[in-house]
Amino acid sequence: MVIAPLLQVVLYLFMVCLIVRAVFSWIEPYPKNRIHRLTFDITEPVIGPVRRLVPPMGGLDISFILVFFAVTMVLQLVQRAG
């Protein structure tokens, strides 16, 4: 079956984008940086709705952590199924 390995690759790439976005949020690169823009465009459709459901508390945005945890859980399920 080809779907499970392909989904694993997509999920791993998404996790890499999440990590790169987190690092960029700490160093605040030039806003027109292509890598910054790409990772934002890939991850924001997932992080944005989570952020609306769980707004930042005391300046701490936990939406990234929740999305990363959810992607990890889905990845584990796909690995078990595949």
C-alpha atoms as a PDB file:
ATOM      1  CA  MET A   1       0.000   0.000   0.000  1.00  0.00           C
ATOM      2  CA  VAL A   2       1.410   3.357  -1.068  1.00  0.00           C
ATOM      3  CA  ILE A   3      -0.872   5.684   0.884  1.00  0.00           C
ATOM      4  CA  ALA A   4       0.575   5.097   4.374  1.00  0.00           C
ATOM      5  CA  PRO A   5       4.239   5.769   3.462  1.00  0.00           C
ATOM      6  CA  LEU A   6       3.243   8.828   1.423  1.00  0.00           C
ATOM      7  CA  LEU A   7       1.159  10.172   4.299  1.00  0.00           C
ATOM      8  CA  GLN A   8       4.105   9.607   6.656  1.00  0.00           C
ATOM      9  CA  VAL A   9       6.383  11.670   4.418  1.00  0.00           C
ATOM     10  CA  VAL A  10       3.809  14.469   4.212  1.00  0.00           C
ATOM     11  CA  LEU A  11       3.364  14.483   8.002  1.00  0.00           C
ATOM     12  CA  TYR A  12       7.129  14.527   8.612  1.00  0.00           C
ATOM     13  CA  LEU A  13       7.534  17.434   6.180  1.00  0.00           C
ATOM     14  CA  PHE A  14       4.707  19.280   7.921  1.00  0.00           C
ATOM     15  CA  MET A  15       6.434  18.727  11.285  1.00  0.00           C
ATOM     16  CA  VAL A  16       9.656  20.143   9.837  1.00  0.00           C
ATOM     17  CA  CYS A  17       7.715  23.200   8.646  1.00  0.00           C
ATOM     18  CA  LEU A  18       6.252  23.584  12.139  1.00  0.00           C
ATOM     19  CA  ILE A  19       9.708  23.464  13.721  1.00  0.00           C
ATOM     20  CA  VAL A  20      11.138  25.939  11.195  1.00  0.00           C
ATOM     21  CA  ARG A  21       8.202  28.267  11.863  1.00  0.00           C
ATOM     22  CA  ALA A  22       8.828  28.053  15.610  1.00  0.00           C
ATOM     23  CA  VAL A  23      12.500  28.904  15.157  1.00  0.00           C
ATOM     24  CA  PHE A  24      11.597  31.810  12.894  1.00  0.00           C
ATOM     25  CA  SER A  25       9.176  33.108  15.511  1.00  0.00           C
ATOM     26  CA  TRP A  26      12.088  33.354  17.947  1.00  0.00           C
ATOM     27  CA  ILE A  27      14.524  35.112  15.614  1.00  0.00           C
ATOM     28  CA  GLU A  28      11.994  37.200  13.623  1.00  0.00           C
ATOM     29  CA  PRO A  29      13.578  37.080  10.154  1.00  0.00           C
ATOM     30  CA  TYR A  30      12.971  39.560   7.381  1.00  0.00           C
ATOM     31  CA  PRO A  31       9.222  39.168   6.609  1.00  0.00           C
ATOM     32  CA  LYS A  32       9.793  38.661   2.891  1.00  0.00           C
ATOM     33  CA  ASN A  33      12.144  35.735   3.479  1.00  0.00           C
ATOM     34  CA  ARG A  34      10.958  32.963   1.141  1.00  0.00           C
ATOM     35  CA  ILE A  35      11.454  30.134   3.619  1.00  0.00           C
ATOM     36  CA  HIS A  36       9.644  32.061   6.342  1.00  0.00           C
ATOM     37  CA  ARG A  37       6.771  32.836   3.985  1.00  0.00           C
ATOM     38  CA  LEU A  38       6.583  29.224   2.746  1.00  0.00           C
ATOM     39  CA  THR A  39       6.494  27.704   6.228  1.00  0.00           C
ATOM     40  CA  PHE A  40       3.903  30.254   7.316  1.00  0.00           C
ATOM     41  CA  ASP A  41       1.712  29.549   4.278  1.00  0.00           C
ATOM     42  CA  ILE A  42       1.922  25.785   4.844  1.00  0.00           C
ATOM     43  CA  THR A  43       1.262  25.778   8.584  1.00  0.00           C
ATOM     44  CA  GLU A  44      -1.129  28.698   9.105  1.00  0.00           C
ATOM     45  CA  PRO A  45      -4.205  26.915   7.659  1.00  0.00           C
ATOM     46  CA  VAL A  46      -3.847  24.394  10.489  1.00  0.00           C
ATOM     47  CA  ILE A  47      -2.527  26.594  13.295  1.00  0.00           C
ATOM     48  CA  GLY A  48      -4.948  29.483  12.649  1.00  0.00           C
ATOM     49  CA  PRO A  49      -8.172  27.592  13.448  1.00  0.00           C
ATOM     50  CA  VAL A  50      -6.572  26.012  16.524  1.00  0.00           C
ATOM     51  CA  ARG A  51      -5.491  29.463  17.702  1.00  0.00           C
ATOM     52  CA  ARG A  52      -9.086  30.690  17.345  1.00  0.00           C
ATOM     53  CA  LEU A  53     -10.335  27.745  19.449  1.00  0.00           C
ATOM     54  CA  VAL A  54      -7.595  28.127  22.080  1.00  0.00           C
ATOM     55  CA  PRO A  55      -6.507  31.777  22.184  1.00  0.00           C
ATOM     56  CA  PRO A  56      -3.096  32.712  23.602  1.00  0.00           C
ATOM     57  CA  MET A  57      -3.050  32.724  27.401  1.00  0.00           C
ATOM     58  CA  GLY A  58      -0.817  35.202  29.167  1.00  0.00           C
ATOM     59  CA  GLY A  59       1.219  35.791  26.026  1.00  0.00           C
ATOM     60  CA  LEU A  60       1.780  32.051  25.495  1.00  0.00           C
ATOM     61  CA  ASP A  61       0.398  30.677  22.236  1.00  0.00           C
ATOM     62  CA  ILE A  62      -0.083  26.946  22.761  1.00  0.00           C
ATOM     63  CA  SER A  63      -1.716  26.357  19.359  1.00  0.00           C
ATOM     64  CA  PHE A  64       1.665  25.296  17.933  1.00  0.00           C
ATOM     65  CA  ILE A  65       2.104  22.721  20.711  1.00  0.00           C
ATOM     66  CA  LEU A  66      -1.402  21.344  20.197  1.00  0.00           C
ATOM     67  CA  VAL A  67      -0.931  21.040  16.431  1.00  0.00           C
ATOM     68  CA  PHE A  68       2.488  19.428  16.833  1.00  0.00           C
ATOM     69  CA  PHE A  69       1.049  16.938  19.331  1.00  0.00           C
ATOM     70  CA  ALA A  70      -1.895  16.149  17.023  1.00  0.00           C
ATOM     71  CA  VAL A  71       0.383  15.604  14.020  1.00  0.00           C
ATOM     72  CA  THR A  72       2.587  13.326  16.124  1.00  0.00           C
ATOM     73  CA  MET A  73      -0.455  11.293  17.178  1.00  0.00           C
ATOM     74  CA  VAL A  74      -1.706  10.982  13.588  1.00  0.00           C
ATOM     75  CA  LEU A  75       1.781   9.972  12.472  1.00  0.00           C
ATOM     76  CA  GLN A  76       1.878   7.216  15.094  1.00  0.00           C
ATOM     77  CA  LEU A  77      -1.532   5.958  13.977  1.00  0.00           C
ATOM     78  CA  VAL A  78      -0.427   5.882  10.347  1.00  0.00           C
ATOM     79  CA  GLN A  79       2.781   4.036  11.258  1.00  0.00           C
ATOM     80  CA  ARG A  80       0.816   1.399  13.163  1.00  0.00           C
ATOM     81  CA  ALA A  81      -1.666   0.986  10.328  1.00  0.00           C
ATOM     82  CA  GLY A  82       1.030   0.841   7.652  1.00  0.00           C
END
